[in-house]
N, C-alpha and C. Protein backbone atom coordinates (compact mmCIF):
# COMPACT_ATOMS: atom_id res chain seq x y z
N MET A 1 324.50 341.01 116.71
CA MET A 1 323.82 339.31 116.75
C MET A 1 325.15 338.81 115.52
N LYS A 2 325.52 337.88 116.16
CA LYS A 2 326.04 337.14 114.87
C LYS A 2 325.33 336.13 114.09
N PRO A 3 325.54 335.99 112.94
CA PRO A 3 324.70 335.05 112.38
C PRO A 3 324.42 334.13 112.42
N LYS A 4 325.48 332.88 113.06
CA LYS A 4 324.74 331.79 113.58
C LYS A 4 323.53 331.76 114.41
N THR A 5 323.90 332.50 115.50
CA THR A 5 323.00 333.12 116.05
C THR A 5 321.55 333.39 115.72
N LEU A 6 321.46 334.91 115.07
CA LEU A 6 320.53 335.09 114.25
C LEU A 6 319.57 334.06 113.03
N PHE A 7 320.92 332.95 112.75
CA PHE A 7 319.95 332.06 111.85
C PHE A 7 318.97 331.34 112.57
N SER A 8 319.35 331.11 113.94
CA SER A 8 318.83 329.89 114.76
C SER A 8 317.56 330.77 115.73
N ALA A 9 317.86 331.68 115.72
CA ALA A 9 316.78 332.66 116.44
C ALA A 9 315.61 332.65 115.58
N ALA A 10 316.04 332.80 114.25
CA ALA A 10 314.86 333.34 112.90
C ALA A 10 314.32 331.59 112.81
N LEU A 11 315.15 330.45 112.95
CA LEU A 11 314.46 328.57 112.50
C LEU A 11 313.42 328.94 113.95
N ILE A 12 313.74 329.30 114.85
CA ILE A 12 313.16 328.88 116.19
C ILE A 12 311.45 329.31 115.92
N THR A 13 311.80 330.75 115.65
CA THR A 13 310.45 331.44 115.44
C THR A 13 309.25 331.33 114.74
N GLY A 14 309.89 330.85 113.31
CA GLY A 14 309.94 330.18 112.63
C GLY A 14 308.67 328.94 112.93
N LEU A 15 309.44 328.02 113.31
CA LEU A 15 308.84 326.63 113.94
C LEU A 15 308.08 327.27 114.74
N LEU A 16 308.52 327.49 115.70
CA LEU A 16 307.22 328.25 117.23
C LEU A 16 305.88 328.77 116.32
N SER A 17 305.73 329.66 115.11
CA SER A 17 305.11 329.46 114.79
C SER A 17 303.96 329.08 113.75
N THR A 18 304.90 328.09 113.06
CA THR A 18 304.39 326.94 112.34
C THR A 18 303.55 326.33 112.79
N ALA A 19 304.26 326.21 114.29
CA ALA A 19 303.33 324.85 115.14
C ALA A 19 302.01 325.87 115.59
N ALA A 20 302.23 326.49 116.00
CA ALA A 20 300.88 327.83 116.80
C ALA A 20 299.97 327.89 116.04
N ALA A 21 300.15 327.88 114.45
CA ALA A 21 299.07 327.91 113.60
C ALA A 21 298.21 326.56 112.79
N TRP A 22 298.94 325.66 113.53
CA TRP A 22 298.21 324.62 113.34
C TRP A 22 297.34 323.77 114.20
N ALA A 23 298.00 324.45 115.61
CA ALA A 23 297.79 323.54 116.78
C ALA A 23 296.26 324.31 117.85
N ASP A 24 295.77 325.42 116.80
CA ASP A 24 294.24 325.89 116.53
C ASP A 24 293.37 325.41 116.30
N ILE A 25 293.89 324.32 115.34
CA ILE A 25 293.27 323.46 114.70
C ILE A 25 293.08 322.28 115.02
N MET A 26 292.05 322.16 115.48
CA MET A 26 292.11 320.17 116.51
C MET A 26 291.21 319.22 115.83
N VAL A 27 291.59 318.20 115.73
CA VAL A 27 290.80 317.34 114.89
C VAL A 27 290.54 315.89 115.88
N LYS A 28 289.13 316.24 116.07
CA LYS A 28 288.87 314.74 116.90
C LYS A 28 287.50 314.09 116.45
N ASP A 29 287.21 312.94 117.07
CA ASP A 29 286.56 311.90 116.69
C ASP A 29 286.67 311.09 115.57
N ALA A 30 288.07 311.60 114.60
CA ALA A 30 288.10 310.73 113.42
C ALA A 30 287.84 309.50 113.38
N TYR A 31 287.43 308.95 111.87
CA TYR A 31 287.36 307.86 111.68
C TYR A 31 287.13 307.17 109.99
N VAL A 32 287.47 306.33 109.79
CA VAL A 32 287.36 306.31 108.02
C VAL A 32 287.05 304.56 107.97
N ARG A 33 285.97 304.94 107.10
CA ARG A 33 285.21 303.64 106.78
C ARG A 33 285.47 303.20 104.98
N SER A 34 285.36 302.42 104.61
CA SER A 34 284.74 301.62 103.68
C SER A 34 283.28 300.88 103.21
N SER A 35 282.58 301.16 102.25
CA SER A 35 281.40 300.13 102.13
C SER A 35 281.54 298.46 102.27
N THR A 36 282.34 298.34 102.05
CA THR A 36 282.65 296.75 101.90
C THR A 36 284.52 296.79 101.65
N PRO A 37 285.06 295.11 101.85
CA PRO A 37 286.52 294.93 102.14
C PRO A 37 287.09 295.18 100.61
N THR A 38 286.44 295.40 99.46
CA THR A 38 286.59 295.13 98.33
C THR A 38 286.42 297.13 97.32
N SER A 39 286.19 297.67 98.71
CA SER A 39 285.57 298.92 97.63
C SER A 39 286.53 299.57 97.32
N LYS A 40 286.47 300.78 96.04
CA LYS A 40 287.00 301.30 95.36
C LYS A 40 287.22 302.60 95.72
N THR A 41 286.17 302.79 97.06
CA THR A 41 285.99 304.29 97.78
C THR A 41 286.18 304.10 98.85
N GLY A 42 286.38 304.98 99.86
CA GLY A 42 286.02 304.98 101.37
C GLY A 42 285.84 306.67 101.41
N ALA A 43 285.39 307.13 103.30
CA ALA A 43 285.24 308.26 103.18
C ALA A 43 285.87 308.40 104.76
N ALA A 44 286.09 309.57 105.21
CA ALA A 44 286.66 309.83 106.54
C ALA A 44 285.73 310.78 107.21
N PHE A 45 285.55 310.53 108.49
CA PHE A 45 284.53 311.01 108.91
C PHE A 45 285.19 311.85 110.64
N MET A 46 285.03 313.22 110.87
CA MET A 46 285.53 314.21 112.14
C MET A 46 284.66 315.28 112.22
N MET A 47 285.22 315.32 112.98
CA MET A 47 285.12 316.81 113.63
C MET A 47 286.12 317.96 114.00
N LEU A 48 286.10 318.87 112.89
CA LEU A 48 287.34 319.78 113.09
C LEU A 48 286.83 321.22 114.13
N MET A 49 287.71 321.48 114.84
CA MET A 49 287.58 322.17 115.75
C MET A 49 288.80 323.36 116.04
N ASN A 50 288.23 324.86 115.89
CA ASN A 50 289.17 325.89 115.42
C ASN A 50 288.79 326.97 116.82
N ASP A 51 290.45 327.11 116.99
CA ASP A 51 290.13 327.36 118.79
C ASP A 51 291.08 328.86 118.29
N SER A 52 290.76 329.15 117.14
CA SER A 52 291.74 330.26 116.78
C SER A 52 290.64 331.56 117.47
N ASP A 53 290.93 332.90 116.69
CA ASP A 53 290.34 333.98 116.79
C ASP A 53 290.00 334.40 115.38
N THR A 54 290.10 333.17 114.60
CA THR A 54 290.46 333.93 112.87
C THR A 54 289.51 332.49 111.95
N ASP A 55 288.94 333.05 111.87
CA ASP A 55 288.05 332.10 110.18
C ASP A 55 288.89 331.13 109.54
N ASP A 56 288.80 330.04 109.39
CA ASP A 56 289.67 329.54 108.51
C ASP A 56 288.72 328.22 107.53
N ARG A 57 289.52 327.44 107.09
CA ARG A 57 288.98 326.92 106.00
C ARG A 57 289.42 325.41 105.73
N LEU A 58 288.75 324.44 105.81
CA LEU A 58 289.37 323.11 105.16
C LEU A 58 289.73 323.23 103.88
N ILE A 59 290.51 323.12 102.66
CA ILE A 59 290.33 323.26 101.50
C ILE A 59 290.84 322.34 100.59
N ALA A 60 291.41 321.80 101.01
CA ALA A 60 292.09 319.95 100.59
C ALA A 60 292.06 318.83 101.38
N ALA A 61 292.79 317.88 100.48
CA ALA A 61 292.93 316.82 101.92
C ALA A 61 294.22 315.57 100.69
N SER A 62 294.75 314.82 101.41
CA SER A 62 295.40 313.98 100.75
C SER A 62 295.91 312.66 101.85
N SER A 63 295.84 311.75 100.55
CA SER A 63 296.53 310.38 101.47
C SER A 63 296.97 309.73 100.40
N GLU A 64 298.14 308.83 100.68
CA GLU A 64 298.53 307.87 99.85
C GLU A 64 297.75 306.49 99.83
N VAL A 65 296.44 306.23 100.49
CA VAL A 65 295.79 305.54 100.54
C VAL A 65 294.93 305.13 98.69
N ALA A 66 294.73 306.57 98.42
CA ALA A 66 293.86 306.55 97.22
C ALA A 66 294.38 307.43 96.47
N LYS A 67 293.97 307.37 94.86
CA LYS A 67 294.49 307.98 94.07
C LYS A 67 294.20 309.49 93.87
N ARG A 68 292.78 309.91 94.36
CA ARG A 68 292.36 311.22 94.54
C ARG A 68 290.96 311.24 95.60
N VAL A 69 291.59 312.36 96.50
CA VAL A 69 290.77 312.68 97.74
C VAL A 69 290.33 313.50 97.84
N GLU A 70 288.90 313.80 97.72
CA GLU A 70 288.01 315.36 97.52
C GLU A 70 287.56 315.50 99.08
N LEU A 71 286.94 316.78 99.11
CA LEU A 71 286.54 317.00 100.39
C LEU A 71 284.94 317.17 99.26
N HIS A 72 284.16 316.31 99.99
CA HIS A 72 282.62 316.13 99.45
C HIS A 72 281.54 316.51 100.68
N THR A 73 280.45 316.23 99.97
CA THR A 73 278.94 316.87 100.77
C THR A 73 277.63 316.00 100.19
N HIS A 74 276.89 316.03 100.56
CA HIS A 74 275.43 314.88 99.59
C HIS A 74 274.33 316.46 99.63
N ILE A 75 273.58 316.82 98.21
CA ILE A 75 272.92 317.72 97.92
C ILE A 75 271.57 317.12 97.48
N GLU A 76 270.65 317.67 97.98
CA GLU A 76 269.13 317.33 96.85
C GLU A 76 269.17 318.04 95.82
N ASP A 77 268.63 317.02 94.51
CA ASP A 77 268.73 317.52 93.36
C ASP A 77 267.17 318.28 93.22
N GLU A 78 266.58 318.51 92.24
CA GLU A 78 265.22 319.00 92.12
C GLU A 78 264.40 317.78 92.11
N ASN A 79 264.86 316.91 92.16
CA ASN A 79 263.70 315.57 92.36
C ASN A 79 263.93 314.68 93.78
N GLY A 80 264.49 315.67 94.56
CA GLY A 80 264.51 315.36 95.60
C GLY A 80 265.70 313.93 96.14
N VAL A 81 266.42 313.51 95.15
CA VAL A 81 267.20 312.57 95.51
C VAL A 81 268.66 313.35 95.84
N MET A 82 269.25 312.75 96.56
CA MET A 82 270.29 312.93 97.58
C MET A 82 271.70 312.39 95.97
N LYS A 83 272.46 313.65 96.40
CA LYS A 83 274.09 312.79 95.07
C LYS A 83 274.97 313.97 96.34
N MET A 84 275.96 312.81 95.95
CA MET A 84 277.73 313.48 96.58
C MET A 84 278.19 314.46 95.42
N THR A 85 278.61 315.49 95.98
CA THR A 85 279.20 316.52 95.08
C THR A 85 280.70 317.37 95.83
N GLU A 86 281.55 317.55 95.06
CA GLU A 86 282.68 317.75 95.54
C GLU A 86 282.55 319.16 96.32
N LEU A 87 283.27 319.74 97.08
CA LEU A 87 283.12 320.67 97.95
C LEU A 87 283.97 321.76 97.24
N GLU A 88 284.43 322.12 96.05
CA GLU A 88 285.64 323.26 95.38
C GLU A 88 286.13 324.08 96.03
N ASP A 89 285.09 324.69 97.30
CA ASP A 89 285.42 325.90 98.31
C ASP A 89 286.03 325.55 99.36
N GLY A 90 285.47 324.24 99.80
CA GLY A 90 286.12 323.88 100.59
C GLY A 90 285.37 323.89 101.77
N MET A 91 285.51 323.46 103.18
CA MET A 91 284.75 323.85 104.15
C MET A 91 285.02 324.54 105.35
N ALA A 92 284.31 325.39 105.63
CA ALA A 92 284.43 326.73 106.67
C ALA A 92 284.28 326.22 107.39
N ILE A 93 285.57 326.69 108.76
CA ILE A 93 285.58 326.72 110.13
C ILE A 93 285.54 327.47 110.67
N PRO A 94 284.32 327.60 111.56
CA PRO A 94 284.34 329.66 111.97
C PRO A 94 285.39 329.85 112.91
N ALA A 95 285.99 331.06 113.46
CA ALA A 95 286.64 331.33 114.84
C ALA A 95 285.94 330.32 115.79
N GLY A 96 286.42 330.16 116.84
CA GLY A 96 286.11 329.24 117.84
C GLY A 96 285.37 328.45 117.95
N GLY A 97 284.72 327.97 116.56
CA GLY A 97 283.74 327.23 116.19
C GLY A 97 284.30 326.04 115.87
N MET A 98 283.58 325.09 114.92
CA MET A 98 283.48 323.45 114.89
C MET A 98 282.84 323.29 113.61
N HIS A 99 283.65 322.34 113.14
CA HIS A 99 282.53 321.56 111.47
C HIS A 99 282.41 320.53 111.63
N HIS A 100 281.43 319.33 111.57
CA HIS A 100 281.52 317.96 111.81
C HIS A 100 280.92 317.59 110.86
N LEU A 101 281.86 317.18 109.80
CA LEU A 101 282.30 315.72 108.83
C LEU A 101 281.29 314.39 109.79
N LYS A 102 280.35 314.25 108.78
CA LYS A 102 279.83 313.04 109.24
C LYS A 102 278.60 312.01 108.11
N ARG A 103 278.62 311.17 108.04
CA ARG A 103 277.85 310.43 107.56
C ARG A 103 276.27 311.24 106.71
N GLY A 104 276.64 310.77 105.31
CA GLY A 104 275.53 311.97 104.56
C GLY A 104 275.86 313.74 104.95
N GLY A 105 276.52 313.89 105.09
CA GLY A 105 276.77 315.36 105.10
C GLY A 105 278.08 315.53 104.47
N ASP A 106 279.24 316.40 105.04
CA ASP A 106 280.17 316.80 104.61
C ASP A 106 281.34 315.58 104.68
N HIS A 107 282.72 315.36 103.81
CA HIS A 107 283.59 314.57 104.43
C HIS A 107 284.87 314.65 103.46
N VAL A 108 285.69 313.86 104.24
CA VAL A 108 286.85 313.18 102.90
C VAL A 108 286.30 312.28 102.17
N MET A 109 286.87 312.28 101.07
CA MET A 109 286.20 311.09 100.32
C MET A 109 287.51 310.85 99.55
N PHE A 110 287.83 309.17 99.49
CA PHE A 110 289.05 308.85 99.26
C PHE A 110 288.12 308.05 97.63
N MET A 111 288.70 308.01 96.29
CA MET A 111 288.11 307.36 95.65
C MET A 111 289.77 306.95 94.86
N GLY A 112 289.57 305.78 94.39
CA GLY A 112 290.54 304.37 93.75
C GLY A 112 291.50 304.19 94.61
N LEU A 113 290.70 304.04 95.63
CA LEU A 113 291.88 303.27 96.93
C LEU A 113 293.14 302.24 96.49
N ASN A 114 293.71 302.44 96.58
CA ASN A 114 295.39 301.74 96.54
C ASN A 114 295.42 300.63 97.52
N GLN A 115 294.62 300.93 98.03
CA GLN A 115 294.24 299.55 99.51
C GLN A 115 293.18 299.33 100.15
N SER A 116 292.95 298.12 100.47
CA SER A 116 291.90 298.08 101.42
C SER A 116 292.33 298.60 102.79
N LEU A 117 290.86 299.09 103.11
CA LEU A 117 290.50 299.85 104.60
C LEU A 117 289.89 299.02 105.40
N VAL A 118 291.07 298.39 105.97
CA VAL A 118 291.23 296.96 107.08
C VAL A 118 290.46 297.41 108.18
N GLN A 119 289.76 297.27 108.79
CA GLN A 119 289.53 297.30 110.15
C GLN A 119 290.12 297.22 111.16
N GLY A 120 290.28 298.74 112.09
CA GLY A 120 291.32 298.40 113.45
C GLY A 120 293.18 298.93 113.06
N GLU A 121 292.90 298.65 111.52
CA GLU A 121 294.60 299.81 111.09
C GLU A 121 294.02 300.92 110.84
N GLU A 122 295.00 301.61 110.46
CA GLU A 122 295.15 303.47 111.11
C GLU A 122 295.79 303.41 109.23
N ILE A 123 295.27 305.18 108.85
CA ILE A 123 295.97 305.70 107.28
C ILE A 123 296.08 307.35 108.09
N THR A 124 296.96 307.88 107.38
CA THR A 124 297.50 309.24 107.61
C THR A 124 296.38 309.76 106.26
N VAL A 125 296.14 311.12 107.05
CA VAL A 125 295.58 311.80 106.18
C VAL A 125 296.42 313.09 106.31
N ILE A 126 296.56 314.15 104.92
CA ILE A 126 296.64 315.39 105.31
C ILE A 126 295.94 316.13 105.07
N LEU A 127 295.54 317.15 105.65
CA LEU A 127 294.58 318.28 105.96
C LEU A 127 294.89 319.33 105.71
N THR A 128 294.46 320.23 104.80
CA THR A 128 294.98 321.57 104.42
C THR A 128 293.98 322.69 104.53
N PHE A 129 294.92 323.15 105.29
CA PHE A 129 293.71 324.42 105.66
C PHE A 129 294.67 325.81 105.36
N GLU A 130 293.43 326.57 105.15
CA GLU A 130 293.78 328.10 104.45
C GLU A 130 294.42 329.10 105.30
N ASN A 131 294.37 328.49 106.44
CA ASN A 131 295.22 329.95 107.33
C ASN A 131 295.75 328.80 108.20
N ALA A 132 295.42 327.11 108.57
CA ALA A 132 296.41 326.51 109.64
C ALA A 132 297.63 325.95 109.00
N GLY A 133 297.53 325.72 107.27
CA GLY A 133 298.28 324.98 106.71
C GLY A 133 297.70 323.52 106.65
N GLU A 134 299.38 322.90 106.88
CA GLU A 134 299.15 321.72 106.51
C GLU A 134 298.87 320.58 108.12
N VAL A 135 298.26 320.14 108.23
CA VAL A 135 297.96 319.09 109.67
C VAL A 135 297.79 317.48 109.29
N GLU A 136 298.70 316.96 109.99
CA GLU A 136 298.51 315.08 109.48
C GLU A 136 297.89 314.51 110.56
N VAL A 137 296.76 314.08 110.39
CA VAL A 137 296.34 313.16 111.08
C VAL A 137 296.28 312.07 110.82
N THR A 138 296.31 310.66 111.94
CA THR A 138 296.42 309.24 111.77
C THR A 138 294.61 309.62 111.82
N ILE A 139 293.90 307.92 110.82
CA ILE A 139 293.09 308.22 111.38
C ILE A 139 292.72 306.26 111.51
N PRO A 140 292.09 306.15 112.10
CA PRO A 140 291.73 304.33 112.77
C PRO A 140 290.70 304.07 111.32
N VAL A 141 290.87 302.97 111.09
CA VAL A 141 289.69 302.31 110.09
C VAL A 141 288.99 301.80 111.52
N ASN A 142 287.43 302.13 110.63
CA ASN A 142 286.61 301.76 111.60
C ASN A 142 285.52 301.28 111.12
N ASN A 143 285.25 300.16 110.31
CA ASN A 143 283.88 299.80 109.08
C ASN A 143 282.88 299.26 110.07
N GLU A 144 283.13 298.97 111.10
CA GLU A 144 281.59 298.74 112.04
C GLU A 144 281.10 299.53 112.41
N ARG A 145 281.24 300.92 112.61
CA ARG A 145 281.14 301.90 113.13
C ARG A 145 279.72 302.62 112.53
N GLN A 146 278.63 303.05 113.71
CA GLN A 146 277.50 302.89 112.97
C GLN A 146 277.27 304.71 113.06
N ALA A 147 276.47 305.01 112.01
CA ALA A 147 276.65 306.61 111.76
C ALA A 147 276.62 307.49 112.34
N ASP A 148 275.68 307.05 113.60
CA ASP A 148 275.35 308.21 115.06
C ASP A 148 276.37 308.28 115.70
N HIS A 149 277.39 307.05 115.99
CA HIS A 149 278.34 306.63 117.08
C HIS A 149 278.80 307.76 117.11
N GLY A 150 278.75 308.31 118.26
CA GLY A 150 279.97 309.55 118.74
C GLY A 150 279.69 310.98 117.87
N SER A 151 278.79 311.12 117.30
CA SER A 151 278.39 312.31 116.85
C SER A 151 277.83 313.26 118.15
N MET A 152 278.30 314.93 117.98
CA MET A 152 277.88 315.71 119.22
C MET A 152 277.68 316.49 118.02
N ASP A 153 275.84 316.60 119.45
CA ASP A 153 275.18 317.63 119.01
C ASP A 153 275.41 319.37 119.54
N HIS A 154 276.13 320.24 119.02
CA HIS A 154 276.34 321.50 119.25
C HIS A 154 275.36 322.51 119.19
N GLY A 155 274.10 322.01 118.23
CA GLY A 155 273.07 323.11 118.02
C GLY A 155 273.39 323.18 116.22
N SER A 156 274.37 323.55 115.59
CA SER A 156 274.92 323.61 114.66
C SER A 156 275.95 323.05 114.09
N ASP A 157 275.92 322.09 112.69
CA ASP A 157 276.91 321.82 112.12
C ASP A 157 277.96 322.42 111.53
N SER A 158 277.32 323.43 111.55
CA SER A 158 278.77 324.43 110.53
C SER A 158 279.15 325.32 111.20
């Protein structure tokens, strides 16, 4: 095979394998919000679906809208007070399963906002998965959305 043909075949194979890796991760019903128009923090919520036969894990997120982006959850301390904390090990998405990021639970946290999260606009977020790699998503800002709107009950949220 000629070097040019071999290179083209390798390039196409690489592109297809990369597309297939993240094509198994689907992001549904995503939205982002801040508590007030002048807030320095915001959060994104969504349903992550893993259509592959391999467990995966959301390990990081990034966006130009904030100085820092972390994966967070709420936990109850010894006094019964709910506190937000970083999930340093990420969020598991089982093979053929889903993981719901929702208010009061797991979410993507934006800290030190570089801009206001304006109702009706969209932001770009890059989600990094252990197996699927980077997935770029465009998420609408919806500061009016109620906590339970669009939630799906599938028995288990993890």
